[in-house]
Amino acid sequence: MTGRVSIQTEDFNLSAEIERLRQGDARVGAVCSFVGTVRDTRALTGQAQDQVHNMTLEHYPGMTEKSIEAMIDAAHQRFDIYQARVIHRIGELAPSDQIVMVAVTSAHRGESFKACEFLMDYLKTQAPFWKKELTPQGAQWVDARVSDDQALARWGIQATN
């Protein structure tokens, strides 16, 4: 199996990633996964000015991977899980492109579900990524949302962003 964290420009195959996590581990009774995609907010609002033409994601190599590794360590401390894998894409992405994958294995579904959600809440607020959206009004950097900080707080973690 490849490492627990991959920051990459190329797309990923969810089925292949899950197969790698499960491979040779007969203890696995549950796999939970989350895949985030670039959405065109115009589809949500109906407003042409909300259309996202593309999104660019940037990061600090080395620092980002270390930060996500620490998140996975925290998930292992909180939940009874076997493995976790996080893939996060960088570079220019278009609407409907996959951005992020979190996959977790465990003996039972409850632990996998909780760990997957925990990792996504952590990633949304604490992973050192910078997101810029290109809309009809031009390019703009996107800040973390208060709702993302609130999601992290329910795990007893204060956002440091």
N, C-alpha and C. Protein backbone atom coordinates (compact mmCIF):
# COMPACT_ATOMS: atom_id res chain seq x y z
N MET A 1 0.84 -1.18 0.00
CA MET A 1 0.00 0.00 0.00
C MET A 1 0.88 1.24 0.00
N THR A 2 0.46 2.24 -0.74
CA THR A 2 1.18 3.50 -0.76
C THR A 2 1.00 4.19 0.58
N GLY A 3 1.61 5.34 0.77
CA GLY A 3 1.53 6.07 2.03
C GLY A 3 0.13 6.49 2.40
N ARG A 4 0.02 7.02 3.60
CA ARG A 4 -1.29 7.44 4.10
C ARG A 4 -1.76 8.75 3.48
N VAL A 5 -0.83 9.57 2.98
CA VAL A 5 -1.16 10.89 2.46
C VAL A 5 -0.55 11.07 1.08
N SER A 6 -1.34 11.59 0.17
CA SER A 6 -0.83 11.94 -1.15
C SER A 6 -1.39 13.30 -1.55
N ILE A 7 -0.49 14.21 -1.90
CA ILE A 7 -0.87 15.50 -2.45
C ILE A 7 -0.45 15.43 -3.91
N GLN A 8 -1.41 15.59 -4.82
CA GLN A 8 -1.12 15.33 -6.22
C GLN A 8 -1.96 16.18 -7.15
N THR A 9 -1.47 16.34 -8.37
CA THR A 9 -2.23 17.07 -9.39
C THR A 9 -3.17 16.13 -10.14
N GLU A 10 -2.78 14.86 -10.29
CA GLU A 10 -3.57 13.92 -11.08
C GLU A 10 -4.79 13.44 -10.29
N ASP A 11 -5.79 13.01 -11.04
CA ASP A 11 -7.02 12.48 -10.46
C ASP A 11 -6.73 11.14 -9.78
N PHE A 12 -7.70 10.65 -9.02
CA PHE A 12 -7.56 9.37 -8.32
C PHE A 12 -8.75 8.49 -8.61
N ASN A 13 -8.58 7.19 -8.39
CA ASN A 13 -9.61 6.20 -8.61
C ASN A 13 -10.04 5.67 -7.25
N LEU A 14 -11.23 6.02 -6.82
CA LEU A 14 -11.72 5.63 -5.49
C LEU A 14 -11.71 4.11 -5.31
N SER A 15 -12.19 3.37 -6.28
CA SER A 15 -12.23 1.91 -6.16
C SER A 15 -10.85 1.33 -5.96
N ALA A 16 -9.87 1.81 -6.72
CA ALA A 16 -8.50 1.29 -6.59
C ALA A 16 -7.92 1.65 -5.22
N GLU A 17 -8.21 2.84 -4.74
CA GLU A 17 -7.69 3.26 -3.42
C GLU A 17 -8.28 2.41 -2.30
N ILE A 18 -9.57 2.14 -2.37
CA ILE A 18 -10.22 1.32 -1.35
C ILE A 18 -9.68 -0.11 -1.40
N GLU A 19 -9.49 -0.63 -2.59
CA GLU A 19 -8.94 -1.98 -2.72
C GLU A 19 -7.56 -2.06 -2.07
N ARG A 20 -6.73 -1.03 -2.26
CA ARG A 20 -5.41 -1.01 -1.63
C ARG A 20 -5.52 -0.99 -0.11
N LEU A 21 -6.47 -0.25 0.42
CA LEU A 21 -6.65 -0.20 1.88
C LEU A 21 -7.07 -1.55 2.44
N ARG A 22 -7.92 -2.26 1.73
CA ARG A 22 -8.46 -3.53 2.21
C ARG A 22 -7.54 -4.71 1.95
N GLN A 23 -6.66 -4.58 0.99
CA GLN A 23 -5.84 -5.69 0.51
C GLN A 23 -5.12 -6.43 1.63
N GLY A 24 -5.42 -7.72 1.74
CA GLY A 24 -4.72 -8.58 2.68
C GLY A 24 -5.09 -8.38 4.15
N ASP A 25 -6.11 -7.59 4.44
CA ASP A 25 -6.49 -7.36 5.83
C ASP A 25 -7.88 -7.94 6.08
N ALA A 26 -7.93 -9.20 6.53
CA ALA A 26 -9.19 -9.89 6.75
C ALA A 26 -9.97 -9.33 7.94
N ARG A 27 -9.35 -8.47 8.74
CA ARG A 27 -10.06 -7.85 9.88
C ARG A 27 -11.08 -6.82 9.42
N VAL A 28 -10.89 -6.25 8.24
CA VAL A 28 -11.72 -5.14 7.77
C VAL A 28 -13.15 -5.61 7.56
N GLY A 29 -14.06 -4.98 8.29
CA GLY A 29 -15.48 -5.23 8.14
C GLY A 29 -16.21 -4.01 7.62
N ALA A 30 -15.50 -2.87 7.57
CA ALA A 30 -16.13 -1.63 7.13
C ALA A 30 -15.11 -0.72 6.47
N VAL A 31 -15.55 -0.06 5.42
CA VAL A 31 -14.77 0.97 4.76
C VAL A 31 -15.69 2.16 4.56
N CYS A 32 -15.26 3.29 5.02
CA CYS A 32 -16.03 4.51 4.81
C CYS A 32 -15.16 5.43 3.95
N SER A 33 -15.78 6.07 2.98
CA SER A 33 -15.02 7.00 2.14
C SER A 33 -15.83 8.25 1.89
N PHE A 34 -15.09 9.31 1.63
CA PHE A 34 -15.67 10.59 1.26
C PHE A 34 -14.87 11.12 0.09
N VAL A 35 -15.58 11.60 -0.93
CA VAL A 35 -14.93 12.26 -2.06
C VAL A 35 -15.57 13.62 -2.22
N GLY A 36 -14.75 14.66 -2.16
CA GLY A 36 -15.22 16.02 -2.39
C GLY A 36 -14.93 16.44 -3.82
N THR A 37 -15.86 17.19 -4.41
CA THR A 37 -15.70 17.64 -5.78
C THR A 37 -15.85 19.16 -5.87
N VAL A 38 -15.36 19.72 -6.95
CA VAL A 38 -15.54 21.15 -7.21
C VAL A 38 -16.98 21.34 -7.65
N ARG A 39 -17.70 22.18 -6.96
CA ARG A 39 -19.08 22.43 -7.36
C ARG A 39 -19.19 23.82 -7.97
N ASP A 40 -20.09 23.93 -8.90
CA ASP A 40 -20.40 25.22 -9.51
C ASP A 40 -21.53 25.79 -8.67
N THR A 41 -21.23 26.79 -7.85
CA THR A 41 -22.25 27.31 -6.93
C THR A 41 -23.44 27.90 -7.67
N ARG A 42 -23.30 28.17 -8.96
CA ARG A 42 -24.46 28.63 -9.73
C ARG A 42 -25.55 27.57 -9.70
N ALA A 43 -25.17 26.30 -9.67
CA ALA A 43 -26.15 25.23 -9.62
C ALA A 43 -26.95 25.29 -8.32
N LEU A 44 -26.35 25.84 -7.26
CA LEU A 44 -27.04 25.97 -5.98
C LEU A 44 -27.92 27.21 -5.92
N THR A 45 -27.43 28.31 -6.51
CA THR A 45 -28.13 29.60 -6.37
C THR A 45 -28.93 30.00 -7.59
N GLY A 46 -28.58 29.44 -8.76
CA GLY A 46 -29.25 29.85 -9.98
C GLY A 46 -28.73 31.16 -10.54
N GLN A 47 -27.71 31.73 -9.92
CA GLN A 47 -27.18 33.03 -10.33
C GLN A 47 -25.92 32.84 -11.18
N ALA A 48 -25.90 33.43 -12.37
CA ALA A 48 -24.75 33.29 -13.26
C ALA A 48 -23.48 33.86 -12.63
N GLN A 49 -23.62 34.91 -11.82
CA GLN A 49 -22.42 35.51 -11.21
C GLN A 49 -21.75 34.60 -10.19
N ASP A 50 -22.45 33.54 -9.77
CA ASP A 50 -21.87 32.60 -8.81
C ASP A 50 -21.13 31.45 -9.49
N GLN A 51 -21.10 31.43 -10.82
CA GLN A 51 -20.46 30.33 -11.54
C GLN A 51 -18.97 30.30 -11.25
N VAL A 52 -18.48 29.12 -10.88
CA VAL A 52 -17.05 28.90 -10.70
C VAL A 52 -16.51 28.30 -11.99
N HIS A 53 -15.63 29.06 -12.67
CA HIS A 53 -15.04 28.56 -13.91
C HIS A 53 -13.96 27.53 -13.60
N ASN A 54 -13.16 27.81 -12.58
CA ASN A 54 -12.17 26.85 -12.12
C ASN A 54 -11.72 27.26 -10.73
N MET A 55 -10.97 26.36 -10.13
CA MET A 55 -10.45 26.57 -8.78
C MET A 55 -8.98 26.17 -8.82
N THR A 56 -8.16 26.94 -8.13
CA THR A 56 -6.75 26.60 -8.02
C THR A 56 -6.43 26.36 -6.55
N LEU A 57 -5.82 25.23 -6.27
CA LEU A 57 -5.42 24.88 -4.91
C LEU A 57 -3.91 24.88 -4.82
N GLU A 58 -3.39 25.54 -3.79
CA GLU A 58 -1.95 25.60 -3.54
C GLU A 58 -1.68 25.08 -2.14
N HIS A 59 -0.41 24.69 -1.89
CA HIS A 59 -0.02 24.18 -0.58
C HIS A 59 1.48 24.37 -0.39
N TYR A 60 1.94 24.10 0.83
CA TYR A 60 3.37 24.09 1.13
C TYR A 60 3.83 22.64 1.18
N PRO A 61 4.60 22.19 0.16
CA PRO A 61 5.07 20.79 0.18
C PRO A 61 5.83 20.48 1.47
N GLY A 62 5.62 19.29 1.96
CA GLY A 62 6.26 18.86 3.20
C GLY A 62 5.44 19.25 4.41
N MET A 63 5.11 20.52 4.53
CA MET A 63 4.31 21.00 5.66
C MET A 63 2.88 20.44 5.58
N THR A 64 2.32 20.41 4.40
CA THR A 64 0.95 19.92 4.24
C THR A 64 0.86 18.45 4.57
N GLU A 65 1.77 17.65 4.04
CA GLU A 65 1.76 16.22 4.32
C GLU A 65 1.94 15.94 5.81
N LYS A 66 2.85 16.65 6.43
CA LYS A 66 3.09 16.47 7.87
C LYS A 66 1.83 16.80 8.68
N SER A 67 1.14 17.86 8.30
CA SER A 67 -0.08 18.26 8.98
C SER A 67 -1.17 17.19 8.85
N ILE A 68 -1.33 16.65 7.65
CA ILE A 68 -2.36 15.63 7.44
C ILE A 68 -1.98 14.32 8.13
N GLU A 69 -0.70 13.98 8.15
CA GLU A 69 -0.25 12.80 8.89
C GLU A 69 -0.64 12.93 10.38
N ALA A 70 -0.47 14.12 10.94
CA ALA A 70 -0.84 14.35 12.34
C ALA A 70 -2.35 14.20 12.53
N MET A 71 -3.14 14.62 11.54
CA MET A 71 -4.59 14.44 11.61
C MET A 71 -4.96 12.96 11.63
N ILE A 72 -4.29 12.18 10.81
CA ILE A 72 -4.55 10.74 10.77
C ILE A 72 -4.13 10.10 12.09
N ASP A 73 -3.01 10.53 12.66
CA ASP A 73 -2.60 10.03 13.98
C ASP A 73 -3.68 10.33 15.02
N ALA A 74 -4.24 11.55 14.96
CA ALA A 74 -5.30 11.92 15.91
C ALA A 74 -6.53 11.04 15.72
N ALA A 75 -6.86 10.72 14.47
CA ALA A 75 -8.01 9.84 14.21
C ALA A 75 -7.76 8.44 14.80
N HIS A 76 -6.53 7.95 14.68
CA HIS A 76 -6.20 6.65 15.26
C HIS A 76 -6.32 6.66 16.78
N GLN A 77 -6.00 7.78 17.40
CA GLN A 77 -6.11 7.88 18.86
C GLN A 77 -7.57 7.94 19.32
N ARG A 78 -8.44 8.53 18.52
CA ARG A 78 -9.83 8.73 18.90
C ARG A 78 -10.74 7.55 18.54
N PHE A 79 -10.41 6.85 17.47
CA PHE A 79 -11.32 5.85 16.92
C PHE A 79 -10.59 4.52 16.73
N ASP A 80 -11.35 3.44 16.79
CA ASP A 80 -10.80 2.11 16.61
C ASP A 80 -10.79 1.79 15.11
N ILE A 81 -9.78 2.30 14.42
CA ILE A 81 -9.67 2.12 12.98
C ILE A 81 -8.37 1.40 12.65
N TYR A 82 -8.34 0.80 11.47
CA TYR A 82 -7.14 0.10 11.02
C TYR A 82 -6.26 1.01 10.17
N GLN A 83 -6.83 1.51 9.08
CA GLN A 83 -6.06 2.36 8.18
C GLN A 83 -6.87 3.56 7.76
N ALA A 84 -6.15 4.60 7.35
CA ALA A 84 -6.78 5.79 6.77
C ALA A 84 -5.89 6.27 5.63
N ARG A 85 -6.51 6.79 4.61
CA ARG A 85 -5.79 7.35 3.47
C ARG A 85 -6.45 8.65 3.07
N VAL A 86 -5.63 9.67 2.83
CA VAL A 86 -6.11 10.97 2.38
C VAL A 86 -5.37 11.32 1.10
N ILE A 87 -6.13 11.64 0.07
CA ILE A 87 -5.58 12.18 -1.17
C ILE A 87 -6.18 13.56 -1.35
N HIS A 88 -5.33 14.53 -1.59
CA HIS A 88 -5.81 15.90 -1.85
C HIS A 88 -5.14 16.40 -3.11
N ARG A 89 -5.95 16.88 -4.02
CA ARG A 89 -5.41 17.39 -5.28
C ARG A 89 -5.06 18.86 -5.15
N ILE A 90 -4.09 19.26 -5.95
CA ILE A 90 -3.67 20.66 -6.05
C ILE A 90 -3.63 21.04 -7.53
N GLY A 91 -3.43 22.32 -7.76
CA GLY A 91 -3.39 22.81 -9.14
C GLY A 91 -4.74 23.32 -9.56
N GLU A 92 -4.93 23.43 -10.86
CA GLU A 92 -6.17 23.97 -11.40
C GLU A 92 -7.19 22.85 -11.58
N LEU A 93 -8.40 23.07 -11.05
CA LEU A 93 -9.49 22.09 -11.12
C LEU A 93 -10.73 22.77 -11.68
N ALA A 94 -11.53 21.99 -12.40
CA ALA A 94 -12.77 22.50 -13.00
C ALA A 94 -13.98 21.96 -12.24
N PRO A 95 -15.15 22.58 -12.44
CA PRO A 95 -16.36 22.03 -11.82
C PRO A 95 -16.51 20.54 -12.14
N SER A 96 -16.91 19.79 -11.14
CA SER A 96 -17.11 18.33 -11.16
C SER A 96 -15.83 17.54 -10.96
N ASP A 97 -14.65 18.18 -10.98
CA ASP A 97 -13.42 17.45 -10.70
C ASP A 97 -13.38 17.01 -9.24
N GLN A 98 -12.77 15.87 -8.99
CA GLN A 98 -12.55 15.41 -7.62
C GLN A 98 -11.43 16.24 -6.99
N ILE A 99 -11.62 16.64 -5.73
CA ILE A 99 -10.61 17.41 -5.01
C ILE A 99 -9.94 16.55 -3.95
N VAL A 100 -10.74 15.86 -3.14
CA VAL A 100 -10.22 15.20 -1.96
C VAL A 100 -10.89 13.84 -1.77
N MET A 101 -10.11 12.91 -1.24
CA MET A 101 -10.63 11.61 -0.85
C MET A 101 -10.13 11.28 0.54
N VAL A 102 -11.04 10.83 1.39
CA VAL A 102 -10.69 10.28 2.69
C VAL A 102 -11.31 8.89 2.73
N ALA A 103 -10.50 7.89 3.06
CA ALA A 103 -11.01 6.52 3.19
C ALA A 103 -10.45 5.93 4.48
N VAL A 104 -11.31 5.22 5.21
CA VAL A 104 -10.96 4.67 6.52
C VAL A 104 -11.47 3.24 6.61
N THR A 105 -10.65 2.34 7.16
CA THR A 105 -11.08 0.97 7.39
C THR A 105 -11.15 0.69 8.89
N SER A 106 -12.07 -0.19 9.25
CA SER A 106 -12.22 -0.61 10.65
C SER A 106 -12.98 -1.93 10.68
N ALA A 107 -13.18 -2.46 11.87
CA ALA A 107 -13.96 -3.69 12.02
C ALA A 107 -15.45 -3.42 11.84
N HIS A 108 -15.90 -2.24 12.29
CA HIS A 108 -17.32 -1.91 12.28
C HIS A 108 -17.55 -0.53 11.67
N ARG A 109 -18.71 -0.34 11.07
CA ARG A 109 -19.00 0.89 10.31
C ARG A 109 -18.97 2.16 11.16
N GLY A 110 -19.42 2.08 12.40
CA GLY A 110 -19.51 3.29 13.22
C GLY A 110 -18.17 3.99 13.38
N GLU A 111 -17.13 3.23 13.63
CA GLU A 111 -15.80 3.83 13.81
C GLU A 111 -15.29 4.43 12.49
N SER A 112 -15.55 3.74 11.39
CA SER A 112 -15.13 4.26 10.09
C SER A 112 -15.87 5.55 9.75
N PHE A 113 -17.18 5.57 9.97
CA PHE A 113 -17.96 6.78 9.69
C PHE A 113 -17.44 7.96 10.51
N LYS A 114 -17.28 7.74 11.81
CA LYS A 114 -16.83 8.83 12.68
C LYS A 114 -15.44 9.32 12.29
N ALA A 115 -14.53 8.40 12.04
CA ALA A 115 -13.16 8.79 11.70
C ALA A 115 -13.11 9.53 10.37
N CYS A 116 -13.90 9.10 9.41
CA CYS A 116 -13.94 9.77 8.11
C CYS A 116 -14.46 11.20 8.25
N GLU A 117 -15.53 11.35 9.00
CA GLU A 117 -16.10 12.69 9.22
C GLU A 117 -15.13 13.57 10.00
N PHE A 118 -14.50 13.02 11.02
CA PHE A 118 -13.51 13.74 11.80
C PHE A 118 -12.37 14.24 10.90
N LEU A 119 -11.85 13.36 10.05
CA LEU A 119 -10.76 13.76 9.17
C LEU A 119 -11.18 14.85 8.19
N MET A 120 -12.39 14.76 7.65
CA MET A 120 -12.84 15.82 6.74
C MET A 120 -13.01 17.14 7.47
N ASP A 121 -13.60 17.11 8.66
CA ASP A 121 -13.76 18.36 9.42
C ASP A 121 -12.39 18.97 9.73
N TYR A 122 -11.44 18.14 10.07
CA TYR A 122 -10.09 18.59 10.37
C TYR A 122 -9.43 19.17 9.11
N LEU A 123 -9.55 18.44 7.99
CA LEU A 123 -8.95 18.89 6.74
C LEU A 123 -9.49 20.25 6.29
N LYS A 124 -10.80 20.43 6.39
CA LYS A 124 -11.43 21.66 5.91
C LYS A 124 -10.90 22.91 6.61
N THR A 125 -10.46 22.75 7.85
CA THR A 125 -10.06 23.94 8.61
C THR A 125 -8.58 24.01 8.91
N GLN A 126 -7.90 22.88 9.01
CA GLN A 126 -6.53 22.89 9.52
C GLN A 126 -5.46 22.53 8.50
N ALA A 127 -5.82 21.90 7.41
CA ALA A 127 -4.81 21.55 6.41
C ALA A 127 -4.35 22.82 5.70
N PRO A 128 -3.05 22.99 5.53
CA PRO A 128 -2.54 24.22 4.91
C PRO A 128 -2.66 24.20 3.38
N PHE A 129 -3.89 24.45 2.93
CA PHE A 129 -4.19 24.63 1.51
C PHE A 129 -4.75 26.02 1.31
N TRP A 130 -4.51 26.58 0.14
CA TRP A 130 -5.08 27.87 -0.21
C TRP A 130 -5.85 27.68 -1.49
N LYS A 131 -7.09 28.19 -1.48
CA LYS A 131 -8.02 27.96 -2.57
C LYS A 131 -8.40 29.30 -3.20
N LYS A 132 -8.26 29.36 -4.53
CA LYS A 132 -8.65 30.54 -5.29
C LYS A 132 -9.68 30.12 -6.33
N GLU A 133 -10.81 30.83 -6.38
CA GLU A 133 -11.85 30.53 -7.35
C GLU A 133 -11.88 31.61 -8.42
N LEU A 134 -12.09 31.18 -9.66
CA LEU A 134 -12.26 32.11 -10.77
C LEU A 134 -13.73 32.13 -11.13
N THR A 135 -14.36 33.30 -10.97
CA THR A 135 -15.78 33.49 -11.26
C THR A 135 -15.90 34.60 -12.31
N PRO A 136 -17.10 34.89 -12.80
CA PRO A 136 -17.25 36.00 -13.75
C PRO A 136 -16.76 37.34 -13.19
N GLN A 137 -16.71 37.48 -11.86
CA GLN A 137 -16.22 38.72 -11.25
C GLN A 137 -14.70 38.75 -11.12
N GLY A 138 -14.05 37.66 -11.47
CA GLY A 138 -12.60 37.59 -11.36
C GLY A 138 -12.16 36.53 -10.36
N ALA A 139 -10.87 36.53 -10.06
CA ALA A 139 -10.31 35.54 -9.14
C ALA A 139 -10.37 36.06 -7.71
N GLN A 140 -10.67 35.17 -6.78
CA GLN A 140 -10.69 35.56 -5.37
C GLN A 140 -10.27 34.38 -4.50
N TRP A 141 -9.49 34.68 -3.46
CA TRP A 141 -9.09 33.67 -2.50
C TRP A 141 -10.29 33.37 -1.60
N VAL A 142 -10.47 32.11 -1.26
CA VAL A 142 -11.63 31.68 -0.47
C VAL A 142 -11.18 31.41 0.96
N ASP A 143 -11.87 32.04 1.91
CA ASP A 143 -11.59 31.83 3.33
C ASP A 143 -12.37 30.64 3.86
N ALA A 144 -11.88 30.09 4.97
CA ALA A 144 -12.62 29.03 5.65
C ALA A 144 -13.96 29.60 6.14
N ARG A 145 -14.95 28.75 6.19
CA ARG A 145 -16.28 29.18 6.65
C ARG A 145 -16.41 28.97 8.15
N VAL A 146 -17.24 29.78 8.76
CA VAL A 146 -17.53 29.63 10.18
C VAL A 146 -18.13 28.25 10.44
N SER A 147 -18.96 27.77 9.53
CA SER A 147 -19.58 26.45 9.71
C SER A 147 -18.54 25.33 9.74
N ASP A 148 -17.43 25.51 9.01
CA ASP A 148 -16.36 24.51 9.05
C ASP A 148 -15.68 24.52 10.41
N ASP A 149 -15.44 25.71 10.96
CA ASP A 149 -14.86 25.81 12.31
C ASP A 149 -15.79 25.19 13.35
N GLN A 150 -17.10 25.41 13.18
CA GLN A 150 -18.07 24.83 14.12
C GLN A 150 -18.08 23.31 14.03
N ALA A 151 -17.94 22.77 12.82
CA ALA A 151 -17.89 21.32 12.66
C ALA A 151 -16.67 20.73 13.39
N LEU A 152 -15.54 21.41 13.29
CA LEU A 152 -14.34 20.94 13.99
C LEU A 152 -14.52 21.06 15.50
N ALA A 153 -15.18 22.10 15.96
CA ALA A 153 -15.36 22.33 17.40
C ALA A 153 -16.17 21.21 18.06
N ARG A 154 -17.05 20.58 17.32
CA ARG A 154 -17.84 19.50 17.95
C ARG A 154 -16.98 18.30 18.31
N TRP A 155 -15.74 18.25 17.78
CA TRP A 155 -14.79 17.20 18.15
C TRP A 155 -13.90 17.65 19.30
N GLY A 156 -14.18 18.87 19.81
CA GLY A 156 -13.38 19.39 20.91
C GLY A 156 -12.08 20.04 20.47
N ILE A 157 -12.03 20.46 19.19
CA ILE A 157 -10.82 21.07 18.65
C ILE A 157 -11.15 22.49 18.20
N GLN A 158 -10.34 23.42 18.64
CA GLN A 158 -10.49 24.82 18.23
C GLN A 158 -9.69 25.04 16.96
N ALA A 159 -10.30 25.66 15.97
CA ALA A 159 -9.62 25.97 14.72
C ALA A 159 -8.50 26.97 14.98
N THR A 160 -7.38 26.76 14.35
CA THR A 160 -6.23 27.66 14.50
C THR A 160 -5.96 28.45 13.23
N ASN A 161 -6.91 28.44 12.30
CA ASN A 161 -6.70 29.15 11.04
C ASN A 161 -7.03 30.61 11.17
